[in-house]
Amino acid sequence: YASRQYLDAKIRTFVDFLREAVPKALAEDEAALCPSARP
């Protein structure tokens, strides 16, 4: 996507939030769907 230098502050904040939230949500969903995969 466009350089972060040219993004509005609210868009930059939202992108940063997604970069943190999405991997956590995916990991939690995977753990819920495959309980035997995690000890």
N, C-alpha and C. Protein backbone atom coordinates (compact mmCIF):
# COMPACT_ATOMS: atom_id res chain seq x y z
N TYR A 1 0.83 -1.18 0.00
CA TYR A 1 0.00 0.00 0.00
C TYR A 1 0.88 1.24 0.00
N ALA A 2 0.25 2.39 0.00
CA ALA A 2 1.01 3.64 -0.07
C ALA A 2 1.95 3.78 1.12
N SER A 3 2.96 4.58 0.93
CA SER A 3 3.91 4.81 2.01
C SER A 3 3.19 5.35 3.23
N ARG A 4 3.59 4.88 4.40
CA ARG A 4 2.93 5.31 5.63
C ARG A 4 3.13 6.80 5.88
N GLN A 5 4.10 7.37 5.25
CA GLN A 5 4.37 8.81 5.41
C GLN A 5 3.17 9.64 4.94
N TYR A 6 2.43 9.14 3.97
CA TYR A 6 1.34 9.91 3.37
C TYR A 6 -0.04 9.53 3.89
N LEU A 7 -0.12 8.62 4.86
CA LEU A 7 -1.41 8.22 5.40
C LEU A 7 -1.86 9.16 6.50
N ASP A 8 -3.18 9.35 6.62
CA ASP A 8 -3.72 10.10 7.74
C ASP A 8 -3.39 9.38 9.04
N ALA A 9 -3.34 10.12 10.12
CA ALA A 9 -3.01 9.54 11.42
C ALA A 9 -4.01 8.46 11.81
N LYS A 10 -5.30 8.67 11.54
CA LYS A 10 -6.30 7.67 11.92
C LYS A 10 -6.13 6.39 11.12
N ILE A 11 -5.74 6.50 9.85
CA ILE A 11 -5.51 5.31 9.04
C ILE A 11 -4.27 4.58 9.53
N ARG A 12 -3.22 5.32 9.84
CA ARG A 12 -1.99 4.73 10.35
C ARG A 12 -2.26 3.99 11.66
N THR A 13 -3.05 4.60 12.54
CA THR A 13 -3.39 3.98 13.81
C THR A 13 -4.19 2.70 13.58
N PHE A 14 -5.13 2.74 12.65
CA PHE A 14 -5.94 1.56 12.35
C PHE A 14 -5.08 0.43 11.78
N VAL A 15 -4.16 0.75 10.89
CA VAL A 15 -3.27 -0.26 10.32
C VAL A 15 -2.40 -0.87 11.42
N ASP A 16 -1.88 -0.04 12.31
CA ASP A 16 -1.08 -0.56 13.43
C ASP A 16 -1.91 -1.48 14.31
N PHE A 17 -3.17 -1.09 14.57
CA PHE A 17 -4.07 -1.92 15.37
C PHE A 17 -4.28 -3.28 14.70
N LEU A 18 -4.55 -3.26 13.40
CA LEU A 18 -4.77 -4.52 12.68
C LEU A 18 -3.54 -5.41 12.71
N ARG A 19 -2.36 -4.80 12.59
CA ARG A 19 -1.13 -5.60 12.58
C ARG A 19 -0.94 -6.32 13.91
N GLU A 20 -1.46 -5.77 14.99
CA GLU A 20 -1.37 -6.43 16.29
C GLU A 20 -2.55 -7.37 16.53
N ALA A 21 -3.74 -6.95 16.17
CA ALA A 21 -4.95 -7.69 16.52
C ALA A 21 -5.17 -8.93 15.67
N VAL A 22 -4.87 -8.86 14.38
CA VAL A 22 -5.20 -9.97 13.49
C VAL A 22 -4.41 -11.24 13.84
N PRO A 23 -3.10 -11.19 14.03
CA PRO A 23 -2.39 -12.43 14.39
C PRO A 23 -2.89 -13.05 15.70
N LYS A 24 -3.21 -12.20 16.69
CA LYS A 24 -3.74 -12.72 17.96
C LYS A 24 -5.08 -13.40 17.74
N ALA A 25 -5.96 -12.76 16.97
CA ALA A 25 -7.27 -13.34 16.71
C ALA A 25 -7.15 -14.66 15.95
N LEU A 26 -6.26 -14.72 14.98
CA LEU A 26 -6.06 -15.96 14.23
C LEU A 26 -5.53 -17.07 15.13
N ALA A 27 -4.61 -16.73 16.01
CA ALA A 27 -4.06 -17.73 16.93
C ALA A 27 -5.13 -18.24 17.88
N GLU A 28 -5.97 -17.34 18.39
CA GLU A 28 -7.04 -17.75 19.29
C GLU A 28 -8.06 -18.63 18.56
N ASP A 29 -8.40 -18.27 17.33
CA ASP A 29 -9.34 -19.08 16.56
C ASP A 29 -8.76 -20.47 16.28
N GLU A 30 -7.48 -20.52 15.94
CA GLU A 30 -6.85 -21.81 15.66
C GLU A 30 -6.84 -22.67 16.91
N ALA A 31 -6.56 -22.06 18.06
CA ALA A 31 -6.54 -22.81 19.31
C ALA A 31 -7.94 -23.32 19.65
N ALA A 32 -8.96 -22.53 19.36
CA ALA A 32 -10.33 -22.95 19.64
C ALA A 32 -10.78 -24.07 18.70
N LEU A 33 -10.34 -24.02 17.45
CA LEU A 33 -10.75 -25.04 16.48
C LEU A 33 -9.96 -26.33 16.63
N CYS A 34 -8.73 -26.23 17.08
CA CYS A 34 -7.85 -27.41 17.20
C CYS A 34 -7.29 -27.48 18.61
N PRO A 35 -8.11 -27.83 19.59
CA PRO A 35 -7.62 -27.83 20.97
C PRO A 35 -6.48 -28.83 21.21
N SER A 36 -6.41 -29.89 20.39
CA SER A 36 -5.34 -30.87 20.57
C SER A 36 -4.00 -30.37 20.05
N ALA A 37 -4.00 -29.29 19.26
CA ALA A 37 -2.75 -28.76 18.70
C ALA A 37 -1.92 -28.06 19.76
N ARG A 38 -2.57 -27.57 20.80
CA ARG A 38 -1.85 -26.87 21.88
C ARG A 38 -1.87 -27.73 23.13
N PRO A 39 -0.77 -27.78 23.85
CA PRO A 39 -0.74 -28.59 25.08
C PRO A 39 -1.59 -27.99 26.18
